[in-house]
């Protein structure tokens, strides 16, 4: 059976669309603080807070109050006043939790 040239091109394009694409979101690291109602990241080298949006359960201890050192992949929203009393400059929407270390609960 002979397949026409345009049909071959269409099949090739459909197959290319199925391949996995490497993540394109940038990575961020810093100190992650969380409690029962609020969570934010203090990024490395900066004296600001970014509210965190996304699943961070892998970076939290069961008592839901503490800090962790994290590296995440995500998107940073526009500058503004966010979170508890507007203390965060941005909202970081986390798409991937890359690593967690130095988990400490409330003392």
PDB file of N, CA and C in Angstrom:
ATOM      1  N   UNK A   1       0.839  -1.179   0.000  1.00  0.00           N
ATOM      2  CA  UNK A   1       0.000   0.000   0.000  1.00  0.00           C
ATOM      3  C   UNK A   1       0.881   1.237   0.000  1.00  0.00           C
ATOM      4  N   UNK A   2       0.562   2.176  -0.821  1.00  0.00           N
ATOM      5  CA  UNK A   2       1.341   3.397  -0.977  1.00  0.00           C
ATOM      6  C   UNK A   2       0.632   4.547  -0.257  1.00  0.00           C
ATOM      7  N   UNK A   3       1.384   5.245   0.648  1.00  0.00           N
ATOM      8  CA  UNK A   3       0.825   6.379   1.393  1.00  0.00           C
ATOM      9  C   UNK A   3       1.274   7.657   0.707  1.00  0.00           C
ATOM     10  N   UNK A   4       0.342   8.570   0.533  1.00  0.00           N
ATOM     11  CA  UNK A   4       0.677   9.818  -0.149  1.00  0.00           C
ATOM     12  C   UNK A   4       1.607  10.673   0.713  1.00  0.00           C
ATOM     13  N   UNK A   5       2.371  11.531   0.062  1.00  0.00           N
ATOM     14  CA  UNK A   5       3.347  12.398   0.725  1.00  0.00           C
ATOM     15  C   UNK A   5       2.708  13.317   1.768  1.00  0.00           C
ATOM     16  N   UNK A   6       1.596  13.996   1.501  1.00  0.00           N
ATOM     17  CA  UNK A   6       0.980  14.858   2.520  1.00  0.00           C
ATOM     18  C   UNK A   6       0.522  14.055   3.744  1.00  0.00           C
ATOM     19  N   UNK A   7       0.074  12.828   3.542  1.00  0.00           N
ATOM     20  CA  UNK A   7      -0.360  12.004   4.661  1.00  0.00           C
ATOM     21  C   UNK A   7       0.828  11.628   5.546  1.00  0.00           C
ATOM     22  N   UNK A   8       1.970  11.337   4.921  1.00  0.00           N
ATOM     23  CA  UNK A   8       3.183  11.045   5.695  1.00  0.00           C
ATOM     24  C   UNK A   8       3.567  12.247   6.566  1.00  0.00           C
ATOM     25  N   UNK A   9       3.483  13.435   5.991  1.00  0.00           N
ATOM     26  CA  UNK A   9       3.827  14.650   6.733  1.00  0.00           C
ATOM     27  C   UNK A   9       2.882  14.840   7.917  1.00  0.00           C
ATOM     28  N   UNK A  10       1.604  14.586   7.729  1.00  0.00           N
ATOM     29  CA  UNK A  10       0.628  14.722   8.803  1.00  0.00           C
ATOM     30  C   UNK A  10       0.922  13.734   9.929  1.00  0.00           C
ATOM     31  N   UNK A  11       1.202  12.487   9.577  1.00  0.00           N
ATOM     32  CA  UNK A  11       1.518  11.471  10.591  1.00  0.00           C
ATOM     33  C   UNK A  11       2.772  11.865  11.349  1.00  0.00           C
ATOM     34  N   UNK A  12       3.786  12.367  10.666  1.00  0.00           N
ATOM     35  CA  UNK A  12       5.020  12.799  11.315  1.00  0.00           C
ATOM     36  C   UNK A  12       4.755  13.949  12.284  1.00  0.00           C
ATOM     37  N   UNK A  13       3.952  14.928  11.882  1.00  0.00           N
ATOM     38  CA  UNK A  13       3.617  16.046  12.766  1.00  0.00           C
ATOM     39  C   UNK A  13       2.860  15.587  13.999  1.00  0.00           C
ATOM     40  N   UNK A  14       1.942  14.643  13.830  1.00  0.00           N
ATOM     41  CA  UNK A  14       1.192  14.134  14.975  1.00  0.00           C
ATOM     42  C   UNK A  14       2.107  13.397  15.950  1.00  0.00           C
ATOM     43  N   UNK A  15       3.071  12.651  15.439  1.00  0.00           N
ATOM     44  CA  UNK A  15       4.007  11.924  16.299  1.00  0.00           C
ATOM     45  C   UNK A  15       4.933  12.879  17.037  1.00  0.00           C
ATOM     46  N   UNK A  16       5.381  13.920  16.395  1.00  0.00           N
ATOM     47  CA  UNK A  16       6.260  14.900  17.037  1.00  0.00           C
ATOM     48  C   UNK A  16       5.529  15.566  18.193  1.00  0.00           C
ATOM     49  N   UNK A  17       4.253  15.826  18.053  1.00  0.00           N
ATOM     50  CA  UNK A  17       3.470  16.440  19.108  1.00  0.00           C
ATOM     51  C   UNK A  17       3.317  15.556  20.329  1.00  0.00           C
ATOM     52  N   UNK A  18       3.562  14.266  20.209  1.00  0.00           N
ATOM     53  CA  UNK A  18       3.402  13.338  21.324  1.00  0.00           C
ATOM     54  C   UNK A  18       4.673  13.185  22.152  1.00  0.00           C
ATOM     55  N   UNK A  19       5.784  13.668  21.689  1.00  0.00           N
ATOM     56  CA  UNK A  19       7.023  13.507  22.438  1.00  0.00           C
ATOM     57  C   UNK A  19       7.003  14.365  23.685  1.00  0.00           C
ATOM     58  N   UNK A  20       7.752  13.945  24.688  1.00  0.00           N
ATOM     59  CA  UNK A  20       7.771  14.724  25.930  1.00  0.00           C
ATOM     60  C   UNK A  20       8.606  15.987  25.728  1.00  0.00           C
ATOM     61  N   UNK A  21       8.126  17.053  26.345  1.00  0.00           N
ATOM     62  CA  UNK A  21       8.779  18.344  26.242  1.00  0.00           C
ATOM     63  C   UNK A  21       9.436  18.641  27.590  1.00  0.00           C
ATOM     64  N   UNK A  22      10.704  19.026  27.586  1.00  0.00           N
ATOM     65  CA  UNK A  22      11.341  19.334  28.863  1.00  0.00           C
ATOM     66  C   UNK A  22      10.669  20.537  29.534  1.00  0.00           C
ATOM     67  N   UNK A  23      10.689  20.573  30.878  1.00  0.00           N
ATOM     68  CA  UNK A  23      10.049  21.694  31.569  1.00  0.00           C
ATOM     69  C   UNK A  23      10.663  23.029  31.169  1.00  0.00           C
ATOM     70  N   UNK A  24       9.814  24.039  31.050  1.00  0.00           N
ATOM     71  CA  UNK A  24      10.315  25.351  30.644  1.00  0.00           C
ATOM     72  C   UNK A  24      10.211  26.385  31.761  1.00  0.00           C
ATOM     73  N   UNK A  25       9.483  26.065  32.836  1.00  0.00           N
ATOM     74  CA  UNK A  25       9.373  27.008  33.942  1.00  0.00           C
ATOM     75  C   UNK A  25      10.733  27.176  34.618  1.00  0.00           C
ATOM     76  N   UNK A  26      11.066  28.389  35.037  1.00  0.00           N
ATOM     77  CA  UNK A  26      12.344  28.612  35.724  1.00  0.00           C
ATOM     78  C   UNK A  26      12.338  27.996  37.125  1.00  0.00           C
ATOM     79  N   UNK A  27      13.525  27.819  37.691  1.00  0.00           N
ATOM     80  CA  UNK A  27      13.642  27.282  39.045  1.00  0.00           C
ATOM     81  C   UNK A  27      13.917  28.413  40.033  1.00  0.00           C
ATOM     82  N   UNK A  28      13.453  28.208  41.270  1.00  0.00           N
ATOM     83  CA  UNK A  28      13.634  29.154  42.352  1.00  0.00           C
ATOM     84  C   UNK A  28      14.027  28.378  43.593  1.00  0.00           C
ATOM     85  N   UNK A  29      14.858  28.979  44.436  1.00  0.00           N
ATOM     86  CA  UNK A  29      15.256  28.311  45.673  1.00  0.00           C
ATOM     87  C   UNK A  29      15.241  29.313  46.815  1.00  0.00           C
ATOM     88  N   UNK A  30      15.111  28.781  48.020  1.00  0.00           N
ATOM     89  CA  UNK A  30      15.122  29.648  49.187  1.00  0.00           C
ATOM     90  C   UNK A  30      14.521  28.971  50.395  1.00  0.00           C
ATOM     91  N   UNK A  31      14.181  29.785  51.382  1.00  0.00           N
ATOM     92  CA  UNK A  31      13.608  29.321  52.637  1.00  0.00           C
ATOM     93  C   UNK A  31      12.087  29.380  52.527  1.00  0.00           C
ATOM     94  N   UNK A  32      11.453  28.233  52.738  1.00  0.00           N
ATOM     95  CA  UNK A  32       9.997  28.107  52.658  1.00  0.00           C
ATOM     96  C   UNK A  32       9.440  28.106  54.078  1.00  0.00           C
ATOM     97  N   UNK A  33       8.531  29.022  54.377  1.00  0.00           N
ATOM     98  CA  UNK A  33       7.839  29.079  55.664  1.00  0.00           C
ATOM     99  C   UNK A  33       6.380  28.719  55.441  1.00  0.00           C
ATOM    100  N   UNK A  34       5.823  27.937  56.366  1.00  0.00           N
ATOM    101  CA  UNK A  34       4.410  27.580  56.261  1.00  0.00           C
ATOM    102  C   UNK A  34       3.802  27.457  57.658  1.00  0.00           C
ATOM    103  N   UNK A  35       2.520  27.757  57.742  1.00  0.00           N
ATOM    104  CA  UNK A  35       1.745  27.451  58.936  1.00  0.00           C
ATOM    105  C   UNK A  35       0.341  27.089  58.488  1.00  0.00           C
ATOM    106  N   UNK A  36      -0.608  27.020  59.412  1.00  0.00           N
ATOM    107  CA  UNK A  36      -1.943  26.516  59.089  1.00  0.00           C
ATOM    108  C   UNK A  36      -2.729  27.402  58.139  1.00  0.00           C
ATOM    109  N   UNK A  37      -2.286  28.659  57.929  1.00  0.00           N
ATOM    110  CA  UNK A  37      -3.059  29.540  57.050  1.00  0.00           C
ATOM    111  C   UNK A  37      -2.229  30.319  56.035  1.00  0.00           C
ATOM    112  N   UNK A  38      -0.923  30.183  56.063  1.00  0.00           N
ATOM    113  CA  UNK A  38      -0.079  31.050  55.249  1.00  0.00           C
ATOM    114  C   UNK A  38       1.193  30.317  54.850  1.00  0.00           C
ATOM    115  N   UNK A  39       1.686  30.565  53.643  1.00  0.00           N
ATOM    116  CA  UNK A  39       2.942  29.964  53.187  1.00  0.00           C
ATOM    117  C   UNK A  39       3.633  30.937  52.239  1.00  0.00           C
ATOM    118  N   UNK A  40       4.955  31.072  52.423  1.00  0.00           N
ATOM    119  CA  UNK A  40       5.697  31.951  51.524  1.00  0.00           C
ATOM    120  C   UNK A  40       7.132  31.471  51.371  1.00  0.00           C
ATOM    121  N   UNK A  41       7.779  31.957  50.320  1.00  0.00           N
ATOM    122  CA  UNK A  41       9.181  31.678  50.024  1.00  0.00           C
ATOM    123  C   UNK A  41       9.972  32.971  50.164  1.00  0.00           C
ATOM    124  N   UNK A  42      11.087  32.888  50.876  1.00  0.00           N
ATOM    125  CA  UNK A  42      12.071  33.966  50.875  1.00  0.00           C
ATOM    126  C   UNK A  42      13.156  33.508  49.916  1.00  0.00           C
ATOM    127  N   UNK A  43      13.192  34.033  48.697  1.00  0.00           N
ATOM    128  CA  UNK A  43      14.149  33.539  47.702  1.00  0.00           C
ATOM    129  C   UNK A  43      15.590  33.861  48.091  1.00  0.00           C
ATOM    130  N   UNK A  44      16.490  32.975  47.679  1.00  0.00           N
ATOM    131  CA  UNK A  44      17.918  33.168  47.955  1.00  0.00           C
ATOM    132  C   UNK A  44      18.383  34.544  47.496  1.00  0.00           C
ATOM    133  N   UNK A  45      19.135  35.218  48.365  1.00  0.00           N
ATOM    134  CA  UNK A  45      19.737  36.493  48.015  1.00  0.00           C
ATOM    135  C   UNK A  45      18.792  37.674  47.988  1.00  0.00           C
ATOM    136  N   UNK A  46      17.548  37.481  48.446  1.00  0.00           N
ATOM    137  CA  UNK A  46      16.580  38.575  48.425  1.00  0.00           C
ATOM    138  C   UNK A  46      15.932  38.720  49.795  1.00  0.00           C
ATOM    139  N   UNK A  47      15.550  39.920  50.123  1.00  0.00           N
ATOM    140  CA  UNK A  47      14.884  40.199  51.388  1.00  0.00           C
ATOM    141  C   UNK A  47      13.406  40.504  51.119  1.00  0.00           C
ATOM    142  N   UNK A  48      12.741  39.586  50.433  1.00  0.00           N
ATOM    143  CA  UNK A  48      11.321  39.721  50.100  1.00  0.00           C
ATOM    144  C   UNK A  48      10.628  38.391  50.371  1.00  0.00           C
ATOM    145  N   UNK A  49       9.313  38.422  50.324  1.00  0.00           N
ATOM    146  CA  UNK A  49       8.511  37.205  50.474  1.00  0.00           C
ATOM    147  C   UNK A  49       7.638  37.044  49.241  1.00  0.00           C
ATOM    148  N   UNK A  50       7.525  35.796  48.789  1.00  0.00           N
ATOM    149  CA  UNK A  50       6.625  35.466  47.693  1.00  0.00           C
ATOM    150  C   UNK A  50       5.618  34.449  48.208  1.00  0.00           C
ATOM    151  N   UNK A  51       4.330  34.747  48.089  1.00  0.00           N
ATOM    152  CA  UNK A  51       3.303  33.782  48.465  1.00  0.00           C
ATOM    153  C   UNK A  51       3.422  32.551  47.572  1.00  0.00           C
ATOM    154  N   UNK A  52       3.124  31.406  48.134  1.00  0.00           N
ATOM    155  CA  UNK A  52       3.226  30.145  47.403  1.00  0.00           C
ATOM    156  C   UNK A  52       1.833  29.632  47.073  1.00  0.00           C
ATOM    157  N   UNK A  53       1.657  29.233  45.825  1.00  0.00           N
ATOM    158  CA  UNK A  53       0.418  28.618  45.365  1.00  0.00           C
ATOM    159  C   UNK A  53       0.807  27.290  44.728  1.00  0.00           C
ATOM    160  N   UNK A  54       0.184  26.210  45.140  1.00  0.00           N
ATOM    161  CA  UNK A  54       0.495  24.891  44.582  1.00  0.00           C
ATOM    162  C   UNK A  54       0.680  23.869  45.686  1.00  0.00           C
ATOM    163  N   UNK A  55       0.863  22.617  45.291  1.00  0.00           N
ATOM    164  CA  UNK A  55       1.007  21.524  46.247  1.00  0.00           C
ATOM    165  C   UNK A  55       2.417  21.497  46.821  1.00  0.00           C
ATOM    166  N   UNK A  56       2.537  21.862  48.084  1.00  0.00           N
ATOM    167  CA  UNK A  56       3.831  21.873  48.770  1.00  0.00           C
ATOM    168  C   UNK A  56       3.863  20.852  49.903  1.00  0.00           C
ATOM    169  N   UNK A  57       2.963  19.884  49.890  1.00  0.00           N
ATOM    170  CA  UNK A  57       2.873  18.908  50.975  1.00  0.00           C
ATOM    171  C   UNK A  57       4.174  18.136  51.171  1.00  0.00           C
ATOM    172  N   UNK A  58       4.949  17.952  50.133  1.00  0.00           N
ATOM    173  CA  UNK A  58       6.225  17.245  50.249  1.00  0.00           C
ATOM    174  C   UNK A  58       7.296  18.039  50.975  1.00  0.00           C
ATOM    175  N   UNK A  59       7.054  19.314  51.222  1.00  0.00           N
ATOM    176  CA  UNK A  59       8.023  20.173  51.915  1.00  0.00           C
ATOM    177  C   UNK A  59       7.558  20.536  53.318  1.00  0.00           C
ATOM    178  N   UNK A  60       6.458  19.898  53.771  1.00  0.00           N
ATOM    179  CA  UNK A  60       5.876  20.263  55.055  1.00  0.00           C
ATOM    180  C   UNK A  60       5.837  19.072  56.004  1.00  0.00           C
ATOM    181  N   UNK A  61       6.095  19.347  57.279  1.00  0.00           N
ATOM    182  CA  UNK A  61       5.980  18.347  58.329  1.00  0.00           C
ATOM    183  C   UNK A  61       4.526  18.229  58.764  1.00  0.00           C
ATOM    184  N   UNK A  62       4.146  17.123  59.412  1.00  0.00           N
ATOM    185  CA  UNK A  62       2.735  16.919  59.787  1.00  0.00           C
ATOM    186  C   UNK A  62       2.138  18.013  60.673  1.00  0.00           C
ATOM    187  N   UNK A  63       2.946  18.670  61.494  1.00  0.00           N
ATOM    188  CA  UNK A  63       2.355  19.680  62.383  1.00  0.00           C
ATOM    189  C   UNK A  63       1.950  20.963  61.657  1.00  0.00           C
ATOM    190  N   UNK A  64       2.213  21.035  60.362  1.00  0.00           N
ATOM    191  CA  UNK A  64       1.795  22.168  59.514  1.00  0.00           C
ATOM    192  C   UNK A  64       2.281  23.521  60.023  1.00  0.00           C
ATOM    193  N   UNK A  65       3.505  23.553  60.550  1.00  0.00           N
ATOM    194  CA  UNK A  65       4.081  24.816  60.993  1.00  0.00           C
ATOM    195  C   UNK A  65       5.576  24.625  60.990  1.00  0.00           C
ATOM    196  N   UNK A  66       6.279  25.312  60.112  1.00  0.00           N
ATOM    197  CA  UNK A  66       7.720  25.158  60.100  1.00  0.00           C
ATOM    198  C   UNK A  66       8.373  25.817  58.899  1.00  0.00           C
ATOM    199  N   UNK A  67       9.610  25.398  58.653  1.00  0.00           N
ATOM    200  CA  UNK A  67      10.380  25.911  57.525  1.00  0.00           C
ATOM    201  C   UNK A  67      11.109  24.760  56.840  1.00  0.00           C
ATOM    202  N   UNK A  68      11.431  24.961  55.593  1.00  0.00           N
ATOM    203  CA  UNK A  68      12.202  24.001  54.805  1.00  0.00           C
ATOM    204  C   UNK A  68      13.029  24.772  53.789  1.00  0.00           C
ATOM    205  N   UNK A  69      14.131  24.197  53.403  1.00  0.00           N
ATOM    206  CA  UNK A  69      14.933  24.718  52.292  1.00  0.00           C
ATOM    207  C   UNK A  69      14.413  24.017  51.047  1.00  0.00           C
ATOM    208  N   UNK A  70      13.998  24.782  50.019  1.00  0.00           N
ATOM    209  CA  UNK A  70      13.383  24.163  48.842  1.00  0.00           C
ATOM    210  C   UNK A  70      13.999  24.678  47.543  1.00  0.00           C
ATOM    211  N   UNK A  71      13.853  23.861  46.522  1.00  0.00           N
ATOM    212  CA  UNK A  71      14.103  24.251  45.137  1.00  0.00           C
ATOM    213  C   UNK A  71      12.846  23.827  44.384  1.00  0.00           C
ATOM    214  N   UNK A  72      12.233  24.780  43.676  1.00  0.00           N
ATOM    215  CA  UNK A  72      10.990  24.517  42.962  1.00  0.00           C
ATOM    216  C   UNK A  72      11.070  25.050  41.534  1.00  0.00           C
ATOM    217  N   UNK A  73      10.186  24.556  40.719  1.00  0.00           N
ATOM    218  CA  UNK A  73       9.994  25.076  39.374  1.00  0.00           C
ATOM    219  C   UNK A  73       8.612  25.716  39.362  1.00  0.00           C
ATOM    220  N   UNK A  74       8.483  26.881  38.740  1.00  0.00           N
ATOM    221  CA  UNK A  74       7.180  27.528  38.729  1.00  0.00           C
ATOM    222  C   UNK A  74       7.170  28.823  37.958  1.00  0.00           C
ATOM    223  N   UNK A  75       6.059  29.533  38.097  1.00  0.00           N
ATOM    224  CA  UNK A  75       5.898  30.822  37.420  1.00  0.00           C
ATOM    225  C   UNK A  75       5.648  31.905  38.454  1.00  0.00           C
ATOM    226  N   UNK A  76       6.297  33.022  38.258  1.00  0.00           N
ATOM    227  CA  UNK A  76       6.201  34.151  39.177  1.00  0.00           C
ATOM    228  C   UNK A  76       5.205  35.164  38.628  1.00  0.00           C
ATOM    229  N   UNK A  77       4.203  35.490  39.439  1.00  0.00           N
ATOM    230  CA  UNK A  77       3.183  36.437  39.026  1.00  0.00           C
ATOM    231  C   UNK A  77       3.675  37.877  39.111  1.00  0.00           C
ATOM    232  N   UNK A  78       2.834  38.818  38.724  1.00  0.00           N
ATOM    233  CA  UNK A  78       3.220  40.231  38.720  1.00  0.00           C
ATOM    234  C   UNK A  78       3.439  40.768  40.133  1.00  0.00           C
ATOM    235  N   UNK A  79       4.208  41.843  40.224  1.00  0.00           N
ATOM    236  CA  UNK A  79       4.469  42.468  41.520  1.00  0.00           C
ATOM    237  C   UNK A  79       3.196  43.116  42.050  1.00  0.00           C
ATOM    238  N   UNK A  80       3.032  43.007  43.372  1.00  0.00           N
ATOM    239  CA  UNK A  80       1.863  43.589  44.012  1.00  0.00           C
ATOM    240  C   UNK A  80       1.944  43.377  45.509  1.00  0.00           C
ATOM    241  N   UNK A  81       0.809  43.404  46.166  1.00  0.00           N
ATOM    242  CA  UNK A  81       0.707  43.132  47.601  1.00  0.00           C
ATOM    243  C   UNK A  81      -0.220  41.943  47.776  1.00  0.00           C
ATOM    244  N   UNK A  82       0.333  40.808  48.213  1.00  0.00           N
ATOM    245  CA  UNK A  82      -0.420  39.569  48.303  1.00  0.00           C
ATOM    246  C   UNK A  82      -0.286  38.971  49.692  1.00  0.00           C
ATOM    247  N   UNK A  83      -1.176  38.039  50.004  1.00  0.00           N
ATOM    248  CA  UNK A  83      -1.071  37.273  51.231  1.00  0.00           C
ATOM    249  C   UNK A  83      -1.519  38.016  52.466  1.00  0.00           C
ATOM    250  N   UNK A  84      -1.102  37.493  53.588  1.00  0.00           N
ATOM    251  CA  UNK A  84      -1.448  38.025  54.899  1.00  0.00           C
ATOM    252  C   UNK A  84      -0.993  39.472  55.033  1.00  0.00           C
ATOM    253  N   UNK A  85      -1.916  40.387  55.094  1.00  0.00           N
ATOM    254  CA  UNK A  85      -1.648  41.827  55.211  1.00  0.00           C
ATOM    255  C   UNK A  85      -0.786  42.373  54.075  1.00  0.00           C
ATOM    256  N   UNK A  86      -0.793  41.711  52.936  1.00  0.00           N
ATOM    257  CA  UNK A  86      -0.066  42.194  51.766  1.00  0.00           C
ATOM    258  C   UNK A  86       1.442  42.143  51.881  1.00  0.00           C
ATOM    259  N   UNK A  87       1.984  41.198  52.672  1.00  0.00           N
ATOM    260  CA  UNK A  87       3.434  41.168  52.902  1.00  0.00           C
ATOM    261  C   UNK A  87       4.224  40.535  51.745  1.00  0.00           C
ATOM    262  N   UNK A  88       3.551  39.884  50.819  1.00  0.00           N
ATOM    263  CA  UNK A  88       4.262  39.231  49.707  1.00  0.00           C
ATOM    264  C   UNK A  88       4.272  40.129  48.473  1.00  0.00           C
ATOM    265  N   UNK A  89       5.438  40.187  47.798  1.00  0.00           N
ATOM    266  CA  UNK A  89       5.578  41.010  46.591  1.00  0.00           C
ATOM    267  C   UNK A  89       5.066  40.317  45.334  1.00  0.00           C
ATOM    268  N   UNK A  90       5.071  38.983  45.347  1.00  0.00           N
ATOM    269  CA  UNK A  90       4.637  38.190  44.188  1.00  0.00           C
ATOM    270  C   UNK A  90       3.910  36.953  44.686  1.00  0.00           C
ATOM    271  N   UNK A  91       3.244  36.261  43.753  1.00  0.00           N
ATOM    272  CA  UNK A  91       2.723  34.922  43.997  1.00  0.00           C
ATOM    273  C   UNK A  91       3.506  33.987  43.093  1.00  0.00           C
ATOM    274  N   UNK A  92       4.112  32.975  43.706  1.00  0.00           N
ATOM    275  CA  UNK A  92       4.844  31.952  42.951  1.00  0.00           C
ATOM    276  C   UNK A  92       3.958  30.732  42.841  1.00  0.00           C
ATOM    277  N   UNK A  93       3.549  30.401  41.620  1.00  0.00           N
ATOM    278  CA  UNK A  93       2.752  29.203  41.374  1.00  0.00           C
ATOM    279  C   UNK A  93       3.710  28.059  41.091  1.00  0.00           C
ATOM    280  N   UNK A  94       3.788  27.116  42.017  1.00  0.00           N
ATOM    281  CA  UNK A  94       4.735  26.004  41.929  1.00  0.00           C
ATOM    282  C   UNK A  94       4.168  24.915  41.019  1.00  0.00           C
ATOM    283  N   UNK A  95       4.965  24.536  40.020  1.00  0.00           N
ATOM    284  CA  UNK A  95       4.564  23.453  39.128  1.00  0.00           C
ATOM    285  C   UNK A  95       5.311  22.158  39.429  1.00  0.00           C
ATOM    286  N   UNK A  96       6.458  22.260  40.115  1.00  0.00           N
ATOM    287  CA  UNK A  96       7.225  21.061  40.470  1.00  0.00           C
ATOM    288  C   UNK A  96       8.085  21.355  41.694  1.00  0.00           C
ATOM    289  N   UNK A  97       8.005  20.463  42.674  1.00  0.00           N
ATOM    290  CA  UNK A  97       8.877  20.524  43.845  1.00  0.00           C
ATOM    291  C   UNK A  97      10.106  19.687  43.511  1.00  0.00           C
ATOM    292  N   UNK A  98      11.254  20.330  43.342  1.00  0.00           N
ATOM    293  CA  UNK A  98      12.464  19.635  42.900  1.00  0.00           C
ATOM    294  C   UNK A  98      13.221  19.010  44.060  1.00  0.00           C
ATOM    295  N   UNK A  99      13.471  19.798  45.124  1.00  0.00           N
ATOM    296  CA  UNK A  99      14.177  19.229  46.279  1.00  0.00           C
ATOM    297  C   UNK A  99      13.778  19.939  47.557  1.00  0.00           C
ATOM    298  N   UNK A 100      13.897  19.192  48.652  1.00  0.00           N
ATOM    299  CA  UNK A 100      13.572  19.693  49.984  1.00  0.00           C
ATOM    300  C   UNK A 100      14.680  19.249  50.928  1.00  0.00           C
ATOM    301  N   UNK A 101      15.119  20.161  51.788  1.00  0.00           N
ATOM    302  CA  UNK A 101      16.116  19.804  52.796  1.00  0.00           C
ATOM    303  C   UNK A 101      15.881  20.656  54.032  1.00  0.00           C
ATOM    304  N   UNK A 102      16.551  20.286  55.117  1.00  0.00           N
ATOM    305  CA  UNK A 102      16.531  21.043  56.367  1.00  0.00           C
ATOM    306  C   UNK A 102      15.118  21.376  56.841  1.00  0.00           C
ATOM    307  N   UNK A 103      14.263  20.355  56.874  1.00  0.00           N
ATOM    308  CA  UNK A 103      12.874  20.547  57.347  1.00  0.00           C
ATOM    309  C   UNK A 103      12.894  20.709  58.865  1.00  0.00           C
ATOM    310  N   UNK A 104      12.295  21.796  59.336  1.00  0.00           N
ATOM    311  CA  UNK A 104      12.238  22.072  60.781  1.00  0.00           C
ATOM    312  C   UNK A 104      10.823  22.442  61.167  1.00  0.00           C
ATOM    313  N   UNK A 105      10.307  21.798  62.208  1.00  0.00           N
ATOM    314  CA  UNK A 105       8.978  22.107  62.712  1.00  0.00           C
ATOM    315  C   UNK A 105       9.024  23.227  63.720  1.00  0.00           C
ATOM    316  N   UNK A 106       7.868  23.684  64.131  1.00  0.00           N
ATOM    317  CA  UNK A 106       7.780  24.780  65.107  1.00  0.00           C
ATOM    318  C   UNK A 106       8.382  24.339  66.432  1.00  0.00           C
ATOM    319  N   UNK A 107       8.989  25.274  67.111  1.00  0.00           N
ATOM    320  CA  UNK A 107       9.643  24.935  68.373  1.00  0.00           C
ATOM    321  C   UNK A 107       9.113  25.744  69.513  1.00  0.00           C
TER     322      UNK A 107
END
